[in-house]
Amino acid sequence: MVEYNDAAAAAAFRRLVRHLQQRSDAQNVDLMGLAGFCRNCLGDWLAEASGGTLTKEQGREAVYGMLYSEWKAAHQQPATPEQLARMDASVARNRALGL
């Protein structure tokens, strides 16, 4: 496995967050269905990694660039049954992998 330092990891994380903030067309349900994580997951992981200095809500706000409720109202589309089925299968795979 290739090793990388914390500065490189932090820079990549920040770039991913900026990318997701600009790509509001990439719906969370699609991200979950394809990759098994979404913006909410990323915000939750940030809060967990903060050692208690960020709440889950603050982690999500950092990822969304605004309150989640604001982003949801402005950008989230209703999920189709197909999207929900892909997401459910992906979440099950996460569980099977121990993620």
PDB file of N, CA and C in Angstrom:
ATOM      1  N   MET A   1       0.848  -1.187   0.000  1.00  0.00           N
ATOM      2  CA  MET A   1       0.000   0.000   0.000  1.00  0.00           C
ATOM      3  C   MET A   1       0.888   1.243   0.000  1.00  0.00           C
ATOM      4  N   VAL A   2       0.504   2.220  -0.789  1.00  0.00           N
ATOM      5  CA  VAL A   2       1.236   3.478  -0.852  1.00  0.00           C
ATOM      6  C   VAL A   2       0.903   4.305   0.376  1.00  0.00           C
ATOM      7  N   GLU A   3       1.900   4.843   0.996  1.00  0.00           N
ATOM      8  CA  GLU A   3       1.707   5.718   2.156  1.00  0.00           C
ATOM      9  C   GLU A   3       1.604   7.170   1.696  1.00  0.00           C
ATOM     10  N   TYR A   4       0.843   7.970   2.423  1.00  0.00           N
ATOM     11  CA  TYR A   4       0.741   9.397   2.155  1.00  0.00           C
ATOM     12  C   TYR A   4       0.604  10.106   3.485  1.00  0.00           C
ATOM     13  N   ASN A   5       0.997  11.363   3.509  1.00  0.00           N
ATOM     14  CA  ASN A   5       0.996  12.093   4.782  1.00  0.00           C
ATOM     15  C   ASN A   5      -0.344  12.777   5.025  1.00  0.00           C
ATOM     16  N   ASP A   6      -0.510  13.253   6.244  1.00  0.00           N
ATOM     17  CA  ASP A   6      -1.769  13.896   6.632  1.00  0.00           C
ATOM     18  C   ASP A   6      -2.060  15.155   5.816  1.00  0.00           C
ATOM     19  N   ALA A   7      -1.021  15.890   5.439  1.00  0.00           N
ATOM     20  CA  ALA A   7      -1.236  17.112   4.652  1.00  0.00           C
ATOM     21  C   ALA A   7      -1.817  16.770   3.282  1.00  0.00           C
ATOM     22  N   ALA A   8      -1.315  15.725   2.647  1.00  0.00           N
ATOM     23  CA  ALA A   8      -1.843  15.306   1.351  1.00  0.00           C
ATOM     24  C   ALA A   8      -3.278  14.815   1.499  1.00  0.00           C
ATOM     25  N   ALA A   9      -3.544  14.051   2.553  1.00  0.00           N
ATOM     26  CA  ALA A   9      -4.899  13.553   2.790  1.00  0.00           C
ATOM     27  C   ALA A   9      -5.866  14.709   3.043  1.00  0.00           C
ATOM     28  N   ALA A  10      -5.434  15.691   3.814  1.00  0.00           N
ATOM     29  CA  ALA A  10      -6.287  16.848   4.105  1.00  0.00           C
ATOM     30  C   ALA A  10      -6.563  17.645   2.835  1.00  0.00           C
ATOM     31  N   ALA A  11      -5.550  17.819   1.996  1.00  0.00           N
ATOM     32  CA  ALA A  11      -5.744  18.565   0.746  1.00  0.00           C
ATOM     33  C   ALA A  11      -6.713  17.824  -0.173  1.00  0.00           C
ATOM     34  N   ALA A  12      -6.589  16.517  -0.251  1.00  0.00           N
ATOM     35  CA  ALA A  12      -7.499  15.725  -1.091  1.00  0.00           C
ATOM     36  C   ALA A  12      -8.925  15.790  -0.546  1.00  0.00           C
ATOM     37  N   PHE A  13      -9.062  15.724   0.781  1.00  0.00           N
ATOM     38  CA  PHE A  13     -10.384  15.836   1.399  1.00  0.00           C
ATOM     39  C   PHE A  13     -11.026  17.181   1.063  1.00  0.00           C
ATOM     40  N   ARG A  14     -10.257  18.252   1.215  1.00  0.00           N
ATOM     41  CA  ARG A  14     -10.796  19.585   0.917  1.00  0.00           C
ATOM     42  C   ARG A  14     -11.205  19.705  -0.547  1.00  0.00           C
ATOM     43  N   ARG A  15     -10.419  19.112  -1.439  1.00  0.00           N
ATOM     44  CA  ARG A  15     -10.774  19.150  -2.861  1.00  0.00           C
ATOM     45  C   ARG A  15     -12.052  18.359  -3.126  1.00  0.00           C
ATOM     46  N   LEU A  16     -12.193  17.197  -2.491  1.00  0.00           N
ATOM     47  CA  LEU A  16     -13.413  16.406  -2.636  1.00  0.00           C
ATOM     48  C   LEU A  16     -14.623  17.200  -2.147  1.00  0.00           C
ATOM     49  N   VAL A  17     -14.493  17.859  -1.013  1.00  0.00           N
ATOM     50  CA  VAL A  17     -15.592  18.662  -0.470  1.00  0.00           C
ATOM     51  C   VAL A  17     -15.954  19.784  -1.437  1.00  0.00           C
ATOM     52  N   ARG A  18     -14.956  20.507  -1.954  1.00  0.00           N
ATOM     53  CA  ARG A  18     -15.245  21.581  -2.925  1.00  0.00           C
ATOM     54  C   ARG A  18     -15.944  21.021  -4.161  1.00  0.00           C
ATOM     55  N   HIS A  19     -15.469  19.872  -4.616  1.00  0.00           N
ATOM     56  CA  HIS A  19     -16.063  19.239  -5.791  1.00  0.00           C
ATOM     57  C   HIS A  19     -17.538  18.919  -5.534  1.00  0.00           C
ATOM     58  N   LEU A  20     -17.831  18.312  -4.400  1.00  0.00           N
ATOM     59  CA  LEU A  20     -19.214  17.960  -4.072  1.00  0.00           C
ATOM     60  C   LEU A  20     -20.086  19.195  -3.858  1.00  0.00           C
ATOM     61  N   GLN A  21     -19.499  20.269  -3.332  1.00  0.00           N
ATOM     62  CA  GLN A  21     -20.274  21.497  -3.163  1.00  0.00           C
ATOM     63  C   GLN A  21     -20.647  22.092  -4.511  1.00  0.00           C
ATOM     64  N   GLN A  22     -19.792  21.956  -5.510  1.00  0.00           N
ATOM     65  CA  GLN A  22     -20.068  22.490  -6.836  1.00  0.00           C
ATOM     66  C   GLN A  22     -20.993  21.579  -7.643  1.00  0.00           C
ATOM     67  N   ARG A  23     -21.010  20.285  -7.321  1.00  0.00           N
ATOM     68  CA  ARG A  23     -21.788  19.318  -8.095  1.00  0.00           C
ATOM     69  C   ARG A  23     -23.063  18.940  -7.359  1.00  0.00           C
ATOM     70  N   SER A  24     -23.913  19.933  -7.144  1.00  0.00           N
ATOM     71  CA  SER A  24     -25.187  19.654  -6.466  1.00  0.00           C
ATOM     72  C   SER A  24     -26.085  18.761  -7.307  1.00  0.00           C
ATOM     73  N   ASP A  25     -25.756  18.595  -8.594  1.00  0.00           N
ATOM     74  CA  ASP A  25     -26.526  17.688  -9.440  1.00  0.00           C
ATOM     75  C   ASP A  25     -26.250  16.221  -9.090  1.00  0.00           C
ATOM     76  N   ALA A  26     -25.145  15.957  -8.437  1.00  0.00           N
ATOM     77  CA  ALA A  26     -24.839  14.594  -7.987  1.00  0.00           C
ATOM     78  C   ALA A  26     -25.623  14.354  -6.692  1.00  0.00           C
ATOM     79  N   GLN A  27     -26.724  13.658  -6.811  1.00  0.00           N
ATOM     80  CA  GLN A  27     -27.617  13.442  -5.681  1.00  0.00           C
ATOM     81  C   GLN A  27     -27.019  12.452  -4.688  1.00  0.00           C
ATOM     82  N   ASN A  28     -27.279  12.667  -3.405  1.00  0.00           N
ATOM     83  CA  ASN A  28     -26.768  11.766  -2.365  1.00  0.00           C
ATOM     84  C   ASN A  28     -27.215  10.328  -2.597  1.00  0.00           C
ATOM     85  N   VAL A  29     -28.452  10.134  -3.009  1.00  0.00           N
ATOM     86  CA  VAL A  29     -28.956   8.780  -3.216  1.00  0.00           C
ATOM     87  C   VAL A  29     -28.154   8.083  -4.319  1.00  0.00           C
ATOM     88  N   ASP A  30     -27.713   8.825  -5.332  1.00  0.00           N
ATOM     89  CA  ASP A  30     -26.886   8.242  -6.387  1.00  0.00           C
ATOM     90  C   ASP A  30     -25.483   7.926  -5.879  1.00  0.00           C
ATOM     91  N   LEU A  31     -24.924   8.837  -5.088  1.00  0.00           N
ATOM     92  CA  LEU A  31     -23.611   8.571  -4.498  1.00  0.00           C
ATOM     93  C   LEU A  31     -23.658   7.321  -3.620  1.00  0.00           C
ATOM     94  N   MET A  32     -24.712   7.215  -2.818  1.00  0.00           N
ATOM     95  CA  MET A  32     -24.865   6.032  -1.959  1.00  0.00           C
ATOM     96  C   MET A  32     -25.018   4.767  -2.796  1.00  0.00           C
ATOM     97  N   GLY A  33     -25.806   4.840  -3.849  1.00  0.00           N
ATOM     98  CA  GLY A  33     -26.043   3.673  -4.684  1.00  0.00           C
ATOM     99  C   GLY A  33     -24.807   3.203  -5.414  1.00  0.00           C
ATOM    100  N   LEU A  34     -23.946   4.128  -5.779  1.00  0.00           N
ATOM    101  CA  LEU A  34     -22.749   3.780  -6.524  1.00  0.00           C
ATOM    102  C   LEU A  34     -21.554   3.487  -5.629  1.00  0.00           C
ATOM    103  N   ALA A  35     -21.318   4.357  -4.658  1.00  0.00           N
ATOM    104  CA  ALA A  35     -20.084   4.277  -3.878  1.00  0.00           C
ATOM    105  C   ALA A  35     -20.283   3.872  -2.426  1.00  0.00           C
ATOM    106  N   GLY A  36     -21.521   3.870  -1.965  1.00  0.00           N
ATOM    107  CA  GLY A  36     -21.769   3.469  -0.585  1.00  0.00           C
ATOM    108  C   GLY A  36     -21.519   4.558   0.440  1.00  0.00           C
ATOM    109  N   PHE A  37     -21.374   5.790  -0.017  1.00  0.00           N
ATOM    110  CA  PHE A  37     -21.260   6.927   0.898  1.00  0.00           C
ATOM    111  C   PHE A  37     -21.790   8.155   0.190  1.00  0.00           C
ATOM    112  N   CYS A  38     -22.126   9.179   0.996  1.00  0.00           N
ATOM    113  CA  CYS A  38     -22.644  10.426   0.431  1.00  0.00           C
ATOM    114  C   CYS A  38     -22.111  11.601   1.237  1.00  0.00           C
ATOM    115  N   ARG A  39     -22.623  12.765   0.966  1.00  0.00           N
ATOM    116  CA  ARG A  39     -22.185  13.957   1.693  1.00  0.00           C
ATOM    117  C   ARG A  39     -22.444  13.832   3.194  1.00  0.00           C
ATOM    118  N   ASN A  40     -23.599  13.260   3.555  1.00  0.00           N
ATOM    119  CA  ASN A  40     -23.891  13.090   4.979  1.00  0.00           C
ATOM    120  C   ASN A  40     -22.840  12.204   5.641  1.00  0.00           C
ATOM    121  N   CYS A  41     -22.479  11.114   4.986  1.00  0.00           N
ATOM    122  CA  CYS A  41     -21.454  10.212   5.524  1.00  0.00           C
ATOM    123  C   CYS A  41     -20.145  10.978   5.722  1.00  0.00           C
ATOM    124  N   LEU A  42     -19.754  11.733   4.704  1.00  0.00           N
ATOM    125  CA  LEU A  42     -18.505  12.484   4.772  1.00  0.00           C
ATOM    126  C   LEU A  42     -18.525  13.469   5.938  1.00  0.00           C
ATOM    127  N   GLY A  43     -19.641  14.159   6.118  1.00  0.00           N
ATOM    128  CA  GLY A  43     -19.767  15.079   7.246  1.00  0.00           C
ATOM    129  C   GLY A  43     -19.723  14.362   8.584  1.00  0.00           C
ATOM    130  N   ASP A  44     -20.364  13.191   8.648  1.00  0.00           N
ATOM    131  CA  ASP A  44     -20.336  12.398   9.882  1.00  0.00           C
ATOM    132  C   ASP A  44     -18.924  11.914  10.185  1.00  0.00           C
ATOM    133  N   TRP A  45     -18.198  11.482   9.137  1.00  0.00           N
ATOM    134  CA  TRP A  45     -16.812  11.031   9.337  1.00  0.00           C
ATOM    135  C   TRP A  45     -15.933  12.183   9.796  1.00  0.00           C
ATOM    136  N   LEU A  46     -16.178  13.374   9.270  1.00  0.00           N
ATOM    137  CA  LEU A  46     -15.417  14.542   9.698  1.00  0.00           C
ATOM    138  C   LEU A  46     -15.672  14.821  11.172  1.00  0.00           C
ATOM    139  N   ALA A  47     -16.930  14.756  11.582  1.00  0.00           N
ATOM    140  CA  ALA A  47     -17.262  14.979  12.991  1.00  0.00           C
ATOM    141  C   ALA A  47     -16.589  13.925  13.871  1.00  0.00           C
ATOM    142  N   GLU A  48     -16.639  12.661  13.469  1.00  0.00           N
ATOM    143  CA  GLU A  48     -15.999  11.592  14.241  1.00  0.00           C
ATOM    144  C   GLU A  48     -14.490  11.810  14.344  1.00  0.00           C
ATOM    145  N   ALA A  49     -13.874  12.218  13.239  1.00  0.00           N
ATOM    146  CA  ALA A  49     -12.427  12.427  13.218  1.00  0.00           C
ATOM    147  C   ALA A  49     -11.996  13.657  14.011  1.00  0.00           C
ATOM    148  N   SER A  50     -12.948  14.546  14.312  1.00  0.00           N
ATOM    149  CA  SER A  50     -12.606  15.785  15.016  1.00  0.00           C
ATOM    150  C   SER A  50     -12.339  15.568  16.497  1.00  0.00           C
ATOM    151  N   GLY A  51     -12.579  14.369  16.983  1.00  0.00           N
ATOM    152  CA  GLY A  51     -12.344  14.108  18.399  1.00  0.00           C
ATOM    153  C   GLY A  51     -13.311  14.834  19.311  1.00  0.00           C
ATOM    154  N   GLY A  52     -14.504  15.108  18.817  1.00  0.00           N
ATOM    155  CA  GLY A  52     -15.519  15.756  19.635  1.00  0.00           C
ATOM    156  C   GLY A  52     -15.587  17.262  19.501  1.00  0.00           C
ATOM    157  N   THR A  53     -14.742  17.850  18.657  1.00  0.00           N
ATOM    158  CA  THR A  53     -14.804  19.305  18.502  1.00  0.00           C
ATOM    159  C   THR A  53     -15.900  19.731  17.528  1.00  0.00           C
ATOM    160  N   LEU A  54     -16.362  18.801  16.679  1.00  0.00           N
ATOM    161  CA  LEU A  54     -17.471  19.093  15.767  1.00  0.00           C
ATOM    162  C   LEU A  54     -18.619  18.141  16.054  1.00  0.00           C
ATOM    163  N   THR A  55     -19.822  18.670  16.003  1.00  0.00           N
ATOM    164  CA  THR A  55     -21.001  17.812  16.067  1.00  0.00           C
ATOM    165  C   THR A  55     -21.256  17.238  14.676  1.00  0.00           C
ATOM    166  N   LYS A  56     -22.143  16.271  14.597  1.00  0.00           N
ATOM    167  CA  LYS A  56     -22.525  15.712  13.297  1.00  0.00           C
ATOM    168  C   LYS A  56     -23.086  16.814  12.398  1.00  0.00           C
ATOM    169  N   GLU A  57     -23.911  17.681  12.966  1.00  0.00           N
ATOM    170  CA  GLU A  57     -24.498  18.767  12.186  1.00  0.00           C
ATOM    171  C   GLU A  57     -23.419  19.717  11.667  1.00  0.00           C
ATOM    172  N   GLN A  58     -22.417  20.015  12.496  1.00  0.00           N
ATOM    173  CA  GLN A  58     -21.332  20.894  12.070  1.00  0.00           C
ATOM    174  C   GLN A  58     -20.475  20.233  10.995  1.00  0.00           C
ATOM    175  N   GLY A  59     -20.251  18.937  11.121  1.00  0.00           N
ATOM    176  CA  GLY A  59     -19.505  18.209  10.102  1.00  0.00           C
ATOM    177  C   GLY A  59     -20.218  18.264   8.771  1.00  0.00           C
ATOM    178  N   ARG A  60     -21.521  18.056   8.811  1.00  0.00           N
ATOM    179  CA  ARG A  60     -22.307  18.115   7.573  1.00  0.00           C
ATOM    180  C   ARG A  60     -22.314  19.517   6.991  1.00  0.00           C
ATOM    181  N   GLU A  61     -22.433  20.527   7.846  1.00  0.00           N
ATOM    182  CA  GLU A  61     -22.410  21.911   7.356  1.00  0.00           C
ATOM    183  C   GLU A  61     -21.074  22.213   6.673  1.00  0.00           C
ATOM    184  N   ALA A  62     -19.982  21.692   7.228  1.00  0.00           N
ATOM    185  CA  ALA A  62     -18.670  21.900   6.610  1.00  0.00           C
ATOM    186  C   ALA A  62     -18.616  21.270   5.225  1.00  0.00           C
ATOM    187  N   VAL A  63     -19.221  20.111   5.069  1.00  0.00           N
ATOM    188  CA  VAL A  63     -19.216  19.421   3.775  1.00  0.00           C
ATOM    189  C   VAL A  63     -20.155  20.086   2.784  1.00  0.00           C
ATOM    190  N   TYR A  64     -21.345  20.443   3.216  1.00  0.00           N
ATOM    191  CA  TYR A  64     -22.328  21.059   2.316  1.00  0.00           C
ATOM    192  C   TYR A  64     -22.013  22.523   2.010  1.00  0.00           C
ATOM    193  N   GLY A  65     -21.292  23.191   2.898  1.00  0.00           N
ATOM    194  CA  GLY A  65     -21.052  24.622   2.735  1.00  0.00           C
ATOM    195  C   GLY A  65     -22.240  25.447   3.179  1.00  0.00           C
ATOM    196  N   MET A  66     -23.197  24.799   3.817  1.00  0.00           N
ATOM    197  CA  MET A  66     -24.415  25.433   4.334  1.00  0.00           C
ATOM    198  C   MET A  66     -25.095  24.401   5.221  1.00  0.00           C
ATOM    199  N   LEU A  67     -26.142  24.796   5.885  1.00  0.00           N
ATOM    200  CA  LEU A  67     -26.907  23.832   6.666  1.00  0.00           C
ATOM    201  C   LEU A  67     -27.473  22.765   5.736  1.00  0.00           C
ATOM    202  N   TYR A  68     -27.493  21.523   6.210  1.00  0.00           N
ATOM    203  CA  TYR A  68     -28.018  20.434   5.394  1.00  0.00           C
ATOM    204  C   TYR A  68     -29.456  20.720   4.970  1.00  0.00           C
ATOM    205  N   SER A  69     -30.260  21.254   5.882  1.00  0.00           N
ATOM    206  CA  SER A  69     -31.660  21.534   5.551  1.00  0.00           C
ATOM    207  C   SER A  69     -31.768  22.530   4.400  1.00  0.00           C
ATOM    208  N   GLU A  70     -30.861  23.509   4.335  1.00  0.00           N
ATOM    209  CA  GLU A  70     -30.856  24.482   3.246  1.00  0.00           C
ATOM    210  C   GLU A  70     -30.472  23.808   1.932  1.00  0.00           C
ATOM    211  N   TRP A  71     -29.423  22.967   1.974  1.00  0.00           N
ATOM    212  CA  TRP A  71     -28.991  22.269   0.769  1.00  0.00           C
ATOM    213  C   TRP A  71     -30.101  21.367   0.253  1.00  0.00           C
ATOM    214  N   LYS A  72     -30.723  20.637   1.173  1.00  0.00           N
ATOM    215  CA  LYS A  72     -31.788  19.712   0.806  1.00  0.00           C
ATOM    216  C   LYS A  72     -32.937  20.449   0.127  1.00  0.00           C
ATOM    217  N   ALA A  73     -33.333  21.580   0.687  1.00  0.00           N
ATOM    218  CA  ALA A  73     -34.433  22.357   0.112  1.00  0.00           C
ATOM    219  C   ALA A  73     -34.075  22.909  -1.271  1.00  0.00           C
ATOM    220  N   ALA A  74     -32.816  23.257  -1.460  1.00  0.00           N
ATOM    221  CA  ALA A  74     -32.398  23.879  -2.721  1.00  0.00           C
ATOM    222  C   ALA A  74     -32.031  22.868  -3.803  1.00  0.00           C
ATOM    223  N   HIS A  75     -31.533  21.685  -3.416  1.00  0.00           N
ATOM    224  CA  HIS A  75     -30.920  20.797  -4.411  1.00  0.00           C
ATOM    225  C   HIS A  75     -31.436  19.369  -4.454  1.00  0.00           C
ATOM    226  N   GLN A  76     -31.990  18.871  -3.381  1.00  0.00           N
ATOM    227  CA  GLN A  76     -32.336  17.450  -3.354  1.00  0.00           C
ATOM    228  C   GLN A  76     -33.613  17.173  -4.131  1.00  0.00           C
ATOM    229  N   GLN A  77     -33.539  16.208  -5.014  1.00  0.00           N
ATOM    230  CA  GLN A  77     -34.683  15.778  -5.813  1.00  0.00           C
ATOM    231  C   GLN A  77     -35.302  14.540  -5.167  1.00  0.00           C
ATOM    232  N   PRO A  78     -36.573  14.285  -5.406  1.00  0.00           N
ATOM    233  CA  PRO A  78     -37.177  13.052  -4.889  1.00  0.00           C
ATOM    234  C   PRO A  78     -36.473  11.833  -5.493  1.00  0.00           C
ATOM    235  N   ALA A  79     -36.229  10.839  -4.657  1.00  0.00           N
ATOM    236  CA  ALA A  79     -35.559   9.618  -5.115  1.00  0.00           C
ATOM    237  C   ALA A  79     -36.560   8.708  -5.822  1.00  0.00           C
ATOM    238  N   THR A  80     -36.082   8.071  -6.875  1.00  0.00           N
ATOM    239  CA  THR A  80     -36.916   7.111  -7.587  1.00  0.00           C
ATOM    240  C   THR A  80     -36.818   5.744  -6.889  1.00  0.00           C
ATOM    241  N   PRO A  81     -37.760   4.859  -7.145  1.00  0.00           N
ATOM    242  CA  PRO A  81     -37.648   3.504  -6.581  1.00  0.00           C
ATOM    243  C   PRO A  81     -36.348   2.814  -7.000  1.00  0.00           C
ATOM    244  N   GLU A  82     -35.883   3.047  -8.210  1.00  0.00           N
ATOM    245  CA  GLU A  82     -34.639   2.441  -8.676  1.00  0.00           C
ATOM    246  C   GLU A  82     -33.434   2.975  -7.900  1.00  0.00           C
ATOM    247  N   GLN A  83     -33.417   4.278  -7.662  1.00  0.00           N
ATOM    248  CA  GLN A  83     -32.323   4.869  -6.879  1.00  0.00           C
ATOM    249  C   GLN A  83     -32.313   4.297  -5.462  1.00  0.00           C
ATOM    250  N   LEU A  84     -33.480   4.196  -4.862  1.00  0.00           N
ATOM    251  CA  LEU A  84     -33.570   3.669  -3.501  1.00  0.00           C
ATOM    252  C   LEU A  84     -33.133   2.204  -3.441  1.00  0.00           C
ATOM    253  N   ALA A  85     -33.478   1.429  -4.459  1.00  0.00           N
ATOM    254  CA  ALA A  85     -33.071   0.020  -4.493  1.00  0.00           C
ATOM    255  C   ALA A  85     -31.555  -0.098  -4.602  1.00  0.00           C
ATOM    256  N   ARG A  86     -30.926   0.725  -5.462  1.00  0.00           N
ATOM    257  CA  ARG A  86     -29.458   0.711  -5.586  1.00  0.00           C
ATOM    258  C   ARG A  86     -28.809   1.124  -4.271  1.00  0.00           C
ATOM    259  N   MET A  87     -29.383   2.141  -3.616  1.00  0.00           N
ATOM    260  CA  MET A  87     -28.839   2.584  -2.343  1.00  0.00           C
ATOM    261  C   MET A  87     -28.953   1.485  -1.300  1.00  0.00           C
ATOM    262  N   ASP A  88     -30.093   0.830  -1.205  1.00  0.00           N
ATOM    263  CA  ASP A  88     -30.282  -0.246  -0.235  1.00  0.00           C
ATOM    264  C   ASP A  88     -29.285  -1.377  -0.465  1.00  0.00           C
ATOM    265  N   ALA A  89     -29.066  -1.749  -1.725  1.00  0.00           N
ATOM    266  CA  ALA A  89     -28.104  -2.805  -2.046  1.00  0.00           C
ATOM    267  C   ALA A  89     -26.688  -2.379  -1.668  1.00  0.00           C
ATOM    268  N   SER A  90     -26.367  -1.113  -1.888  1.00  0.00           N
ATOM    269  CA  SER A  90     -25.044  -0.601  -1.562  1.00  0.00           C
ATOM    270  C   SER A  90     -24.821  -0.560  -0.051  1.00  0.00           C
ATOM    271  N   VAL A  91     -25.833  -0.146   0.688  1.00  0.00           N
ATOM    272  CA  VAL A  91     -25.734  -0.124   2.153  1.00  0.00           C
ATOM    273  C   VAL A  91     -25.554  -1.547   2.684  1.00  0.00           C
ATOM    274  N   ALA A  92     -26.266  -2.501   2.096  1.00  0.00           N
ATOM    275  CA  ALA A  92     -26.104  -3.902   2.501  1.00  0.00           C
ATOM    276  C   ALA A  92     -24.683  -4.380   2.218  1.00  0.00           C
ATOM    277  N   ARG A  93     -24.129  -3.959   1.087  1.00  0.00           N
ATOM    278  CA  ARG A  93     -22.743  -4.347   0.775  1.00  0.00           C
ATOM    279  C   ARG A  93     -21.775  -3.720   1.781  1.00  0.00           C
ATOM    280  N   ASN A  94     -22.021  -2.471   2.162  1.00  0.00           N
ATOM    281  CA  ASN A  94     -21.177  -1.843   3.193  1.00  0.00           C
ATOM    282  C   ASN A  94     -21.183  -2.692   4.461  1.00  0.00           C
ATOM    283  N   ARG A  95     -22.384  -3.116   4.876  1.00  0.00           N
ATOM    284  CA  ARG A  95     -22.495  -3.942   6.092  1.00  0.00           C
ATOM    285  C   ARG A  95     -21.714  -5.238   5.930  1.00  0.00           C
ATOM    286  N   ALA A  96     -21.862  -5.893   4.782  1.00  0.00           N
ATOM    287  CA  ALA A  96     -21.173  -7.151   4.532  1.00  0.00           C
ATOM    288  C   ALA A  96     -19.650  -6.981   4.554  1.00  0.00           C
ATOM    289  N   LEU A  97     -19.177  -5.825   4.126  1.00  0.00           N
ATOM    290  CA  LEU A  97     -17.742  -5.533   4.127  1.00  0.00           C
ATOM    291  C   LEU A  97     -17.239  -5.009   5.480  1.00  0.00           C
ATOM    292  N   GLY A  98     -18.182  -4.762   6.392  1.00  0.00           N
ATOM    293  CA  GLY A  98     -17.798  -4.224   7.702  1.00  0.00           C
ATOM    294  C   GLY A  98     -17.456  -2.756   7.686  1.00  0.00           C
ATOM    295  N   LEU A  99     -18.036  -2.023   6.735  1.00  0.00           N
ATOM    296  CA  LEU A  99     -17.765  -0.577   6.630  1.00  0.00           C
ATOM    297  C   LEU A  99     -18.728   0.221   7.475  1.00  0.00           C
TER     298      LEU A  99
END
